[in-house]
C-alpha atoms as a PDB file:
ATOM      1  CA  UNK A   1    -178.477 -79.023-125.050  1.00  0.00           C
ATOM      2  CA  UNK A   2    -176.914 -79.953-128.389  1.00  0.00           C
ATOM      3  CA  UNK A   3    -179.387 -82.837-128.762  1.00  0.00           C
ATOM      4  CA  UNK A   4    -182.388 -80.509-128.336  1.00  0.00           C
ATOM      5  CA  UNK A   5    -180.820 -77.947-130.689  1.00  0.00           C
ATOM      6  CA  UNK A   6    -180.304 -80.444-133.488  1.00  0.00           C
ATOM      7  CA  UNK A   7    -183.774 -81.900-132.908  1.00  0.00           C
ATOM      8  CA  UNK A   8    -185.405 -78.469-133.298  1.00  0.00           C
ATOM      9  CA  UNK A   9    -183.529 -77.740-136.539  1.00  0.00           C
ATOM     10  CA  UNK A  10    -184.517 -81.136-137.912  1.00  0.00           C
ATOM     11  CA  UNK A  11    -188.180 -80.537-137.146  1.00  0.00           C
ATOM     12  CA  UNK A  12    -188.102 -77.103-138.859  1.00  0.00           C
ATOM     13  CA  UNK A  13    -186.449 -78.479-141.988  1.00  0.00           C
ATOM     14  CA  UNK A  14    -188.950 -81.291-142.132  1.00  0.00           C
ATOM     15  CA  UNK A  15    -191.868 -78.874-141.818  1.00  0.00           C
ATOM     16  CA  UNK A  16    -190.460 -76.584-144.494  1.00  0.00           C
ATOM     17  CA  UNK A  17    -190.047 -79.468-146.888  1.00  0.00           C
ATOM     18  CA  UNK A  18    -193.641 -80.616-146.401  1.00  0.00           C
ATOM     19  CA  UNK A  19    -195.209 -77.223-147.270  1.00  0.00           C
ATOM     20  CA  UNK A  20    -196.651 -76.628-150.739  1.00  0.00           C
ATOM     21  CA  UNK A  21    -197.104 -73.176-152.249  1.00  0.00           C
ATOM     22  CA  UNK A  22    -200.767 -72.273-152.838  1.00  0.00           C
ATOM     23  CA  UNK A  23    -201.908 -69.090-154.643  1.00  0.00           C
ATOM     24  CA  UNK A  24    -204.751 -67.466-152.743  1.00  0.00           C
ATOM     25  CA  UNK A  25    -207.296 -65.938-155.140  1.00  0.00           C
ATOM     26  CA  UNK A  26    -210.023 -63.431-154.282  1.00  0.00           C
ATOM     27  CA  UNK A  27    -213.154 -62.639-156.252  1.00  0.00           C
ATOM     28  CA  UNK A  28    -212.359 -58.953-156.773  1.00  0.00           C
ATOM     29  CA  UNK A  29    -213.062 -56.269-159.353  1.00  0.00           C
ATOM     30  CA  UNK A  30    -211.015 -53.150-160.243  1.00  0.00           C
ATOM     31  CA  UNK A  31    -212.022 -50.016-158.366  1.00  0.00           C
ATOM     32  CA  UNK A  32    -214.134 -47.552-160.404  1.00  0.00           C
ATOM     33  CA  UNK A  33    -211.797 -45.152-162.192  1.00  0.00           C
ATOM     34  CA  UNK A  34    -214.227 -42.538-163.535  1.00  0.00           C
ATOM     35  CA  UNK A  35    -215.439 -39.868-161.097  1.00  0.00           C
ATOM     36  CA  UNK A  36    -218.204 -37.405-161.900  1.00  0.00           C
ATOM     37  CA  UNK A  37    -220.478 -34.695-160.579  1.00  0.00           C
ATOM     38  CA  UNK A  38    -223.911 -34.472-162.199  1.00  0.00           C
ATOM     39  CA  UNK A  39    -225.703 -31.195-163.044  1.00  0.00           C
ATOM     40  CA  UNK A  40    -229.196 -30.462-164.377  1.00  0.00           C
ATOM     41  CA  UNK A  41    -229.389 -27.294-166.522  1.00  0.00           C
ATOM     42  CA  UNK A  42    -232.480 -27.742-168.659  1.00  0.00           C
ATOM     43  CA  UNK A  43    -234.198 -24.312-169.009  1.00  0.00           C
ATOM     44  CA  UNK A  44    -237.190 -25.103-166.792  1.00  0.00           C
ATOM     45  CA  UNK A  45    -238.619 -23.325-163.728  1.00  0.00           C
ATOM     46  CA  UNK A  46    -236.845 -24.182-160.495  1.00  0.00           C
ATOM     47  CA  UNK A  47    -239.975 -25.512-158.814  1.00  0.00           C
ATOM     48  CA  UNK A  48    -240.845 -28.820-157.154  1.00  0.00           C
ATOM     49  CA  UNK A  49    -242.702 -29.992-160.258  1.00  0.00           C
ATOM     50  CA  UNK A  50    -239.333 -30.170-162.089  1.00  0.00           C
ATOM     51  CA  UNK A  51    -237.195 -31.770-159.374  1.00  0.00           C
ATOM     52  CA  UNK A  52    -235.474 -35.054-160.234  1.00  0.00           C
ATOM     53  CA  UNK A  53    -236.340 -37.390-157.375  1.00  0.00           C
ATOM     54  CA  UNK A  54    -233.935 -40.215-158.193  1.00  0.00           C
ATOM     55  CA  UNK A  55    -230.917 -40.767-160.439  1.00  0.00           C
ATOM     56  CA  UNK A  56    -229.868 -44.213-161.642  1.00  0.00           C
ATOM     57  CA  UNK A  57    -226.429 -44.783-163.170  1.00  0.00           C
ATOM     58  CA  UNK A  58    -226.108 -48.058-165.068  1.00  0.00           C
ATOM     59  CA  UNK A  59    -229.360 -49.075-163.348  1.00  0.00           C
ATOM     60  CA  UNK A  60    -227.888 -48.522-159.870  1.00  0.00           C
ATOM     61  CA  UNK A  61    -229.466 -45.860-157.624  1.00  0.00           C
ATOM     62  CA  UNK A  62    -226.891 -43.105-157.089  1.00  0.00           C
ATOM     63  CA  UNK A  63    -228.956 -40.185-155.819  1.00  0.00           C
ATOM     64  CA  UNK A  64    -232.439 -39.753-154.416  1.00  0.00           C
ATOM     65  CA  UNK A  65    -234.558 -37.784-151.960  1.00  0.00           C
ATOM     66  CA  UNK A  66    -233.331 -40.031-149.138  1.00  0.00           C
ATOM     67  CA  UNK A  67    -229.765 -40.454-150.441  1.00  0.00           C
ATOM     68  CA  UNK A  68    -227.300 -37.956-151.930  1.00  0.00           C
ATOM     69  CA  UNK A  69    -230.175 -35.545-152.554  1.00  0.00           C
ATOM     70  CA  UNK A  70    -232.728 -34.534-155.138  1.00  0.00           C
ATOM     71  CA  UNK A  71    -231.324 -33.181-158.383  1.00  0.00           C
ATOM     72  CA  UNK A  72    -232.776 -29.688-158.752  1.00  0.00           C
ATOM     73  CA  UNK A  73    -232.713 -27.485-161.857  1.00  0.00           C
ATOM     74  CA  UNK A  74    -229.544 -25.381-162.019  1.00  0.00           C
ATOM     75  CA  UNK A  75    -227.856 -27.499-159.362  1.00  0.00           C
ATOM     76  CA  UNK A  76    -225.956 -30.751-159.009  1.00  0.00           C
ATOM     77  CA  UNK A  77    -225.227 -33.916-157.039  1.00  0.00           C
ATOM     78  CA  UNK A  78    -223.660 -35.286-154.932  1.00  0.00           C
ATOM     79  CA  UNK A  79    -224.435 -32.562-152.445  1.00  0.00           C
ATOM     80  CA  UNK A  80    -223.734 -32.141-148.773  1.00  0.00           C
ATOM     81  CA  UNK A  81    -220.042 -31.188-148.960  1.00  0.00           C
ATOM     82  CA  UNK A  82    -217.473 -29.652-151.285  1.00  0.00           C
ATOM     83  CA  UNK A  83    -215.383 -31.929-153.469  1.00  0.00           C
ATOM     84  CA  UNK A  84    -217.620 -35.016-153.477  1.00  0.00           C
ATOM     85  CA  UNK A  85    -217.806 -37.176-156.605  1.00  0.00           C
ATOM     86  CA  UNK A  86    -219.683 -40.265-157.705  1.00  0.00           C
ATOM     87  CA  UNK A  87    -217.581 -43.140-159.070  1.00  0.00           C
ATOM     88  CA  UNK A  88    -218.209 -45.606-161.888  1.00  0.00           C
ATOM     89  CA  UNK A  89    -216.146 -47.704-164.258  1.00  0.00           C
ATOM     90  CA  UNK A  90    -214.877 -45.739-167.250  1.00  0.00           C
ATOM     91  CA  UNK A  91    -216.703 -46.352-170.522  1.00  0.00           C
ATOM     92  CA  UNK A  92    -220.303 -46.116-171.687  1.00  0.00           C
ATOM     93  CA  UNK A  93    -222.451 -44.887-168.804  1.00  0.00           C
ATOM     94  CA  UNK A  94    -226.240 -44.790-168.748  1.00  0.00           C
ATOM     95  CA  UNK A  95    -228.189 -42.160-166.812  1.00  0.00           C
ATOM     96  CA  UNK A  96    -231.856 -42.498-165.904  1.00  0.00           C
ATOM     97  CA  UNK A  97    -233.859 -39.781-164.149  1.00  0.00           C
ATOM     98  CA  UNK A  98    -237.186 -40.311-162.406  1.00  0.00           C
ATOM     99  CA  UNK A  99    -239.573 -37.509-161.595  1.00  0.00           C
ATOM    100  CA  UNK A 100    -242.603 -38.294-159.429  1.00  0.00           C
ATOM    101  CA  UNK A 101    -242.023 -41.995-160.094  1.00  0.00           C
ATOM    102  CA  UNK A 102    -241.933 -41.636-163.887  1.00  0.00           C
ATOM    103  CA  UNK A 103    -238.911 -42.072-166.144  1.00  0.00           C
ATOM    104  CA  UNK A 104    -238.070 -38.693-167.692  1.00  0.00           C
ATOM    105  CA  UNK A 105    -234.502 -39.198-168.919  1.00  0.00           C
ATOM    106  CA  UNK A 106    -232.624 -42.162-170.379  1.00  0.00           C
ATOM    107  CA  UNK A 107    -229.347 -41.377-172.150  1.00  0.00           C
ATOM    108  CA  UNK A 108    -225.872 -42.862-172.432  1.00  0.00           C
ATOM    109  CA  UNK A 109    -222.518 -41.098-172.613  1.00  0.00           C
ATOM    110  CA  UNK A 110    -218.866 -42.157-172.431  1.00  0.00           C
ATOM    111  CA  UNK A 111    -216.973 -41.278-169.260  1.00  0.00           C
ATOM    112  CA  UNK A 112    -213.191 -41.455-169.040  1.00  0.00           C
ATOM    113  CA  UNK A 113    -210.818 -42.119-166.173  1.00  0.00           C
ATOM    114  CA  UNK A 114    -210.409 -39.152-163.849  1.00  0.00           C
ATOM    115  CA  UNK A 115    -212.744 -36.396-162.698  1.00  0.00           C
ATOM    116  CA  UNK A 116    -215.415 -34.833-164.910  1.00  0.00           C
ATOM    117  CA  UNK A 117    -218.678 -32.892-164.728  1.00  0.00           C
ATOM    118  CA  UNK A 118    -221.767 -34.213-166.524  1.00  0.00           C
ATOM    119  CA  UNK A 119    -224.390 -31.656-167.625  1.00  0.00           C
ATOM    120  CA  UNK A 120    -227.919 -32.626-168.626  1.00  0.00           C
ATOM    121  CA  UNK A 121    -229.251 -29.640-170.569  1.00  0.00           C
ATOM    122  CA  UNK A 122    -232.056 -31.351-172.528  1.00  0.00           C
ATOM    123  CA  UNK A 123    -233.939 -34.479-171.437  1.00  0.00           C
ATOM    124  CA  UNK A 124    -234.099 -35.666-175.062  1.00  0.00           C
ATOM    125  CA  UNK A 125    -230.329 -35.519-175.664  1.00  0.00           C
ATOM    126  CA  UNK A 126    -227.119 -37.052-174.345  1.00  0.00           C
ATOM    127  CA  UNK A 127    -225.389 -34.980-171.669  1.00  0.00           C
ATOM    128  CA  UNK A 128    -222.313 -32.812-172.125  1.00  0.00           C
ATOM    129  CA  UNK A 129    -219.171 -33.996-170.330  1.00  0.00           C
ATOM    130  CA  UNK A 130    -216.693 -31.331-169.173  1.00  0.00           C
ATOM    131  CA  UNK A 131    -213.193 -32.060-167.886  1.00  0.00           C
ATOM    132  CA  UNK A 132    -213.070 -31.095-164.206  1.00  0.00           C
ATOM    133  CA  UNK A 133    -209.449 -29.921-164.614  1.00  0.00           C
ATOM    134  CA  UNK A 134    -208.297 -31.565-161.401  1.00  0.00           C
ATOM    135  CA  UNK A 135    -205.909 -30.948-159.616  1.00  0.00           C
ATOM    136  CA  UNK A 136    -206.984 -27.357-159.118  1.00  0.00           C
ATOM    137  CA  UNK A 137    -203.670 -26.046-157.785  1.00  0.00           C
ATOM    138  CA  UNK A 138    -200.106 -26.767-158.795  1.00  0.00           C
ATOM    139  CA  UNK A 139    -197.708 -26.014-155.915  1.00  0.00           C
ATOM    140  CA  UNK A 140    -194.808 -25.903-158.389  1.00  0.00           C
ATOM    141  CA  UNK A 141    -196.371 -23.076-160.418  1.00  0.00           C
ATOM    142  CA  UNK A 142    -194.995 -19.542-160.466  1.00  0.00           C
ATOM    143  CA  UNK A 143    -198.031 -18.186-158.595  1.00  0.00           C
ATOM    144  CA  UNK A 144    -197.162 -19.867-155.322  1.00  0.00           C
ATOM    145  CA  UNK A 145    -194.623 -21.914-153.433  1.00  0.00           C
ATOM    146  CA  UNK A 146    -195.260 -25.398-152.002  1.00  0.00           C
ATOM    147  CA  UNK A 147    -195.534 -23.736-148.576  1.00  0.00           C
ATOM    148  CA  UNK A 148    -198.032 -21.013-149.526  1.00  0.00           C
ATOM    149  CA  UNK A 149    -200.090 -22.200-152.483  1.00  0.00           C
ATOM    150  CA  UNK A 150    -203.135 -22.998-150.321  1.00  0.00           C
ATOM    151  CA  UNK A 151    -203.140 -19.532-148.759  1.00  0.00           C
ATOM    152  CA  UNK A 152    -202.043 -17.336-151.642  1.00  0.00           C
ATOM    153  CA  UNK A 153    -204.203 -14.291-152.426  1.00  0.00           C
ATOM    154  CA  UNK A 154    -205.891 -15.888-155.432  1.00  0.00           C
ATOM    155  CA  UNK A 155    -208.814 -18.133-156.297  1.00  0.00           C
ATOM    156  CA  UNK A 156    -209.805 -19.890-159.532  1.00  0.00           C
ATOM    157  CA  UNK A 157    -212.939 -19.704-161.673  1.00  0.00           C
ATOM    158  CA  UNK A 158    -214.156 -21.863-164.562  1.00  0.00           C
ATOM    159  CA  UNK A 159    -217.062 -20.581-166.668  1.00  0.00           C
ATOM    160  CA  UNK A 160    -219.556 -22.993-168.285  1.00  0.00           C
ATOM    161  CA  UNK A 161    -222.044 -21.790-170.918  1.00  0.00           C
ATOM    162  CA  UNK A 162    -225.535 -23.321-171.011  1.00  0.00           C
ATOM    163  CA  UNK A 163    -227.525 -20.243-172.029  1.00  0.00           C
ATOM    164  CA  UNK A 164    -230.674 -20.608-174.151  1.00  0.00           C
ATOM    165  CA  UNK A 165    -232.698 -18.032-176.061  1.00  0.00           C
ATOM    166  CA  UNK A 166    -236.011 -17.762-177.897  1.00  0.00           C
ATOM    167  CA  UNK A 167    -235.372 -17.471-181.635  1.00  0.00           C
ATOM    168  CA  UNK A 168    -237.463 -15.168-183.915  1.00  0.00           C
ATOM    169  CA  UNK A 169    -239.922 -18.014-184.548  1.00  0.00           C
ATOM    170  CA  UNK A 170    -240.434 -18.520-180.819  1.00  0.00           C
ATOM    171  CA  UNK A 171    -238.429 -21.747-180.588  1.00  0.00           C
ATOM    172  CA  UNK A 172    -236.288 -22.349-177.515  1.00  0.00           C
ATOM    173  CA  UNK A 173    -232.742 -23.008-178.750  1.00  0.00           C
ATOM    174  CA  UNK A 174    -229.158 -22.968-177.406  1.00  0.00           C
ATOM    175  CA  UNK A 175    -227.509 -19.578-177.888  1.00  0.00           C
ATOM    176  CA  UNK A 176    -225.678 -19.678-181.221  1.00  0.00           C
ATOM    177  CA  UNK A 177    -222.917 -17.199-180.384  1.00  0.00           C
ATOM    178  CA  UNK A 178    -220.048 -17.242-177.925  1.00  0.00           C
ATOM    179  CA  UNK A 179    -219.716 -15.658-174.491  1.00  0.00           C
ATOM    180  CA  UNK A 180    -216.697 -14.042-172.879  1.00  0.00           C
ATOM    181  CA  UNK A 181    -216.868 -14.081-169.072  1.00  0.00           C
ATOM    182  CA  UNK A 182    -214.924 -11.313-167.315  1.00  0.00           C
ATOM    183  CA  UNK A 183    -214.010 -10.387-163.732  1.00  0.00           C
ATOM    184  CA  UNK A 184    -213.158  -6.933-162.377  1.00  0.00           C
ATOM    185  CA  UNK A 185    -209.897  -6.365-160.566  1.00  0.00           C
ATOM    186  CA  UNK A 186    -210.924  -5.560-156.966  1.00  0.00           C
ATOM    187  CA  UNK A 187    -208.063  -3.052-156.668  1.00  0.00           C
ATOM    188  CA  UNK A 188    -209.133  -1.048-159.716  1.00  0.00           C
ATOM    189  CA  UNK A 189    -210.877   2.307-159.317  1.00  0.00           C
ATOM    190  CA  UNK A 190    -214.660   2.537-159.620  1.00  0.00           C
ATOM    191  CA  UNK A 191    -214.443   5.129-162.375  1.00  0.00           C
ATOM    192  CA  UNK A 192    -211.696   3.192-164.206  1.00  0.00           C
ATOM    193  CA  UNK A 193    -212.472  -0.518-163.734  1.00  0.00           C
ATOM    194  CA  UNK A 194    -210.005  -3.072-165.040  1.00  0.00           C
ATOM    195  CA  UNK A 195    -211.621  -6.170-166.520  1.00  0.00           C
ATOM    196  CA  UNK A 196    -209.896  -9.505-167.090  1.00  0.00           C
ATOM    197  CA  UNK A 197    -211.042 -12.478-169.147  1.00  0.00           C
ATOM    198  CA  UNK A 198    -211.954 -15.789-167.566  1.00  0.00           C
ATOM    199  CA  UNK A 199    -210.400 -17.967-170.252  1.00  0.00           C
ATOM    200  CA  UNK A 200    -211.433 -17.621-173.886  1.00  0.00           C
ATOM    201  CA  UNK A 201    -214.929 -17.147-175.366  1.00  0.00           C
ATOM    202  CA  UNK A 202    -217.024 -20.322-175.205  1.00  0.00           C
ATOM    203  CA  UNK A 203    -220.037 -21.569-177.146  1.00  0.00           C
ATOM    204  CA  UNK A 204    -223.019 -23.443-175.712  1.00  0.00           C
ATOM    205  CA  UNK A 205    -221.947 -26.571-173.841  1.00  0.00           C
ATOM    206  CA  UNK A 206    -218.331 -25.474-173.498  1.00  0.00           C
ATOM    207  CA  UNK A 207    -216.235 -24.449-170.504  1.00  0.00           C
ATOM    208  CA  UNK A 208    -213.173 -22.262-170.017  1.00  0.00           C
ATOM    209  CA  UNK A 209    -209.998 -23.322-168.276  1.00  0.00           C
ATOM    210  CA  UNK A 210    -209.825 -22.613-164.552  1.00  0.00           C
ATOM    211  CA  UNK A 211    -208.528 -19.043-164.412  1.00  0.00           C
ATOM    212  CA  UNK A 212    -206.714 -17.231-161.596  1.00  0.00           C
ATOM    213  CA  UNK A 213    -208.545 -14.263-160.088  1.00  0.00           C
ATOM    214  CA  UNK A 214    -207.198 -11.819-157.518  1.00  0.00           C
ATOM    215  CA  UNK A 215    -208.652 -11.942-153.999  1.00  0.00           C
ATOM    216  CA  UNK A 216    -208.044  -8.886-151.817  1.00  0.00           C
ATOM    217  CA  UNK A 217    -208.866  -9.803-148.231  1.00  0.00           C
ATOM    218  CA  UNK A 218    -211.681  -7.530-147.071  1.00  0.00           C
ATOM    219  CA  UNK A 219    -211.633  -8.407-143.359  1.00  0.00           C
ATOM    220  CA  UNK A 220    -208.381  -8.306-141.380  1.00  0.00           C
ATOM    221  CA  UNK A 221    -207.324 -11.551-139.659  1.00  0.00           C
ATOM    222  CA  UNK A 222    -209.929 -13.658-141.479  1.00  0.00           C
ATOM    223  CA  UNK A 223    -209.821 -16.661-143.810  1.00  0.00           C
ATOM    224  CA  UNK A 224    -209.764 -14.124-146.637  1.00  0.00           C
ATOM    225  CA  UNK A 225    -212.442 -13.243-149.160  1.00  0.00           C
ATOM    226  CA  UNK A 226    -213.674 -10.338-151.212  1.00  0.00           C
ATOM    227  CA  UNK A 227    -216.437  -9.365-153.627  1.00  0.00           C
ATOM    228  CA  UNK A 228    -215.681  -9.962-157.291  1.00  0.00           C
ATOM    229  CA  UNK A 229    -217.835  -8.314-159.972  1.00  0.00           C
ATOM    230  CA  UNK A 230    -218.504 -10.120-163.251  1.00  0.00           C
ATOM    231  CA  UNK A 231    -219.886  -9.282-166.670  1.00  0.00           C
ATOM    232  CA  UNK A 232    -220.341 -11.091-169.996  1.00  0.00           C
ATOM    233  CA  UNK A 233    -219.518  -9.968-173.523  1.00  0.00           C
ATOM    234  CA  UNK A 234    -221.213 -11.467-176.576  1.00  0.00           C
ATOM    235  CA  UNK A 235    -219.413 -12.599-179.740  1.00  0.00           C
ATOM    236  CA  UNK A 236    -219.367  -8.998-181.026  1.00  0.00           C
ATOM    237  CA  UNK A 237    -217.690  -7.682-177.876  1.00  0.00           C
ATOM    238  CA  UNK A 238    -220.852  -6.000-176.573  1.00  0.00           C
ATOM    239  CA  UNK A 239    -222.243  -6.346-173.072  1.00  0.00           C
ATOM    240  CA  UNK A 240    -224.691  -9.236-172.997  1.00  0.00           C
ATOM    241  CA  UNK A 241    -228.302  -8.068-172.955  1.00  0.00           C
ATOM    242  CA  UNK A 242    -230.887 -10.065-171.024  1.00  0.00           C
ATOM    243  CA  UNK A 243    -234.457  -9.911-169.765  1.00  0.00           C
ATOM    244  CA  UNK A 244    -234.540  -9.644-165.968  1.00  0.00           C
ATOM    245  CA  UNK A 245    -237.185 -10.968-163.587  1.00  0.00           C
ATOM    246  CA  UNK A 246    -239.204  -7.747-164.035  1.00  0.00           C
ATOM    247  CA  UNK A 247    -239.397  -8.268-167.786  1.00  0.00           C
ATOM    248  CA  UNK A 248    -236.976  -5.415-168.588  1.00  0.00           C
ATOM    249  CA  UNK A 249    -233.991  -5.673-170.936  1.00  0.00           C
ATOM    250  CA  UNK A 250    -230.735  -4.889-169.121  1.00  0.00           C
ATOM    251  CA  UNK A 251    -227.002  -5.534-169.313  1.00  0.00           C
ATOM    252  CA  UNK A 252    -225.999  -8.715-167.524  1.00  0.00           C
ATOM    253  CA  UNK A 253    -223.915  -8.172-164.396  1.00  0.00           C
ATOM    254  CA  UNK A 254    -223.466  -9.972-161.100  1.00  0.00           C
ATOM    255  CA  UNK A 255    -221.055 -10.403-158.208  1.00  0.00           C
ATOM    256  CA  UNK A 256    -219.898 -13.257-155.980  1.00  0.00           C
ATOM    257  CA  UNK A 257    -217.630 -13.571-152.972  1.00  0.00           C
ATOM    258  CA  UNK A 258    -214.377 -15.407-153.674  1.00  0.00           C
ATOM    259  CA  UNK A 259    -212.326 -17.016-150.900  1.00  0.00           C
ATOM    260  CA  UNK A 260    -208.552 -17.364-151.030  1.00  0.00           C
ATOM    261  CA  UNK A 261    -207.479 -20.785-152.248  1.00  0.00           C
ATOM    262  CA  UNK A 262    -210.919 -21.837-153.488  1.00  0.00           C
ATOM    263  CA  UNK A 263    -211.751 -23.088-156.982  1.00  0.00           C
ATOM    264  CA  UNK A 264    -215.209 -22.451-158.445  1.00  0.00           C
ATOM    265  CA  UNK A 265    -217.356 -23.351-161.426  1.00  0.00           C
ATOM    266  CA  UNK A 266    -219.615 -20.499-162.593  1.00  0.00           C
ATOM    267  CA  UNK A 267    -222.351 -22.219-164.591  1.00  0.00           C
ATOM    268  CA  UNK A 268    -224.478 -19.924-166.744  1.00  0.00           C
ATOM    269  CA  UNK A 269    -227.994 -21.137-167.572  1.00  0.00           C
ATOM    270  CA  UNK A 270    -231.522 -19.984-168.263  1.00  0.00           C
ATOM    271  CA  UNK A 271    -233.022 -18.057-171.182  1.00  0.00           C
ATOM    272  CA  UNK A 272    -231.474 -14.765-172.338  1.00  0.00           C
ATOM    273  CA  UNK A 273    -234.734 -13.246-173.643  1.00  0.00           C
ATOM    274  CA  UNK A 274    -237.066 -15.116-171.306  1.00  0.00           C
ATOM    275  CA  UNK A 275    -240.816 -14.608-171.408  1.00  0.00           C
ATOM    276  CA  UNK A 276    -241.193 -14.037-167.683  1.00  0.00           C
ATOM    277  CA  UNK A 277    -244.972 -13.752-167.918  1.00  0.00           C
ATOM    278  CA  UNK A 278    -245.029 -17.296-169.300  1.00  0.00           C
ATOM    279  CA  UNK A 279    -242.834 -18.478-166.432  1.00  0.00           C
ATOM    280  CA  UNK A 280    -239.610 -18.911-168.378  1.00  0.00           C
ATOM    281  CA  UNK A 281    -236.444 -18.733-166.227  1.00  0.00           C
ATOM    282  CA  UNK A 282    -234.123 -15.764-166.721  1.00  0.00           C
ATOM    283  CA  UNK A 283    -230.378 -16.225-167.084  1.00  0.00           C
ATOM    284  CA  UNK A 284    -228.171 -16.487-164.029  1.00  0.00           C
ATOM    285  CA  UNK A 285    -224.852 -17.869-162.882  1.00  0.00           C
ATOM    286  CA  UNK A 286    -224.968 -20.715-160.397  1.00  0.00           C
ATOM    287  CA  UNK A 287    -221.766 -21.203-158.415  1.00  0.00           C
ATOM    288  CA  UNK A 288    -220.499 -24.731-157.784  1.00  0.00           C
ATOM    289  CA  UNK A 289    -217.590 -24.824-155.332  1.00  0.00           C
ATOM    290  CA  UNK A 290    -215.049 -27.404-156.461  1.00  0.00           C
ATOM    291  CA  UNK A 291    -212.592 -26.862-153.629  1.00  0.00           C
END
């Protein structure tokens, strides 16, 4: 037995001494570190003639009719589910749009590491990049505990301003003032509404921080949602006036359902004093659910 034991040890030592160390190399590249969602908010009619059929990023097809979806006015990609992002290496990023087989947009912008939202508001200009403000919830914050922050009676809203107007000479231009987005406390009385600001006033191409709003569950034993009313004040503190789809000037107002634990982007686009007879789009908020 001792002979076999010593023989086995000798063979192992001999094999160990004959092995050379070799570094195994792979032809790899770093994973993309810039994530983005892409939105199209040029003030054009939301009709098939204006749909973006394919989107190329750095000359690679990212979205199309048969892929992540057409890019429609006042909407975004990737679609299909909440919380999806495209990925690319951080740095200069080129976007090309094709409509009915023809190139209609070719601009470059710098994307950084992390999550961001890219807004194309004019097909002759570089897009606006907005910080996505991820993560949306901080379980260590004073508004919730680590055990309850996903089910607390609040949601979050970020407001983005891409409103146009016709100037006195009839030119279509970005609105030159600032807008203050507000939400109404759902527990306040109808005759004495309490309004709260969604962040600070923002100019064209800017976005507020994601702001907590109160959600009062409207249906017992449900996932939890309620109606939230919104309004907009102009830079002078007056209710924003707009032309509606009937061609009448009215105060802007709207409402959306908010679900507990969700985080939303309320993106405001269109033309404040639209010529509806000429087919210009009126202003409206489009809701993009981030979480």
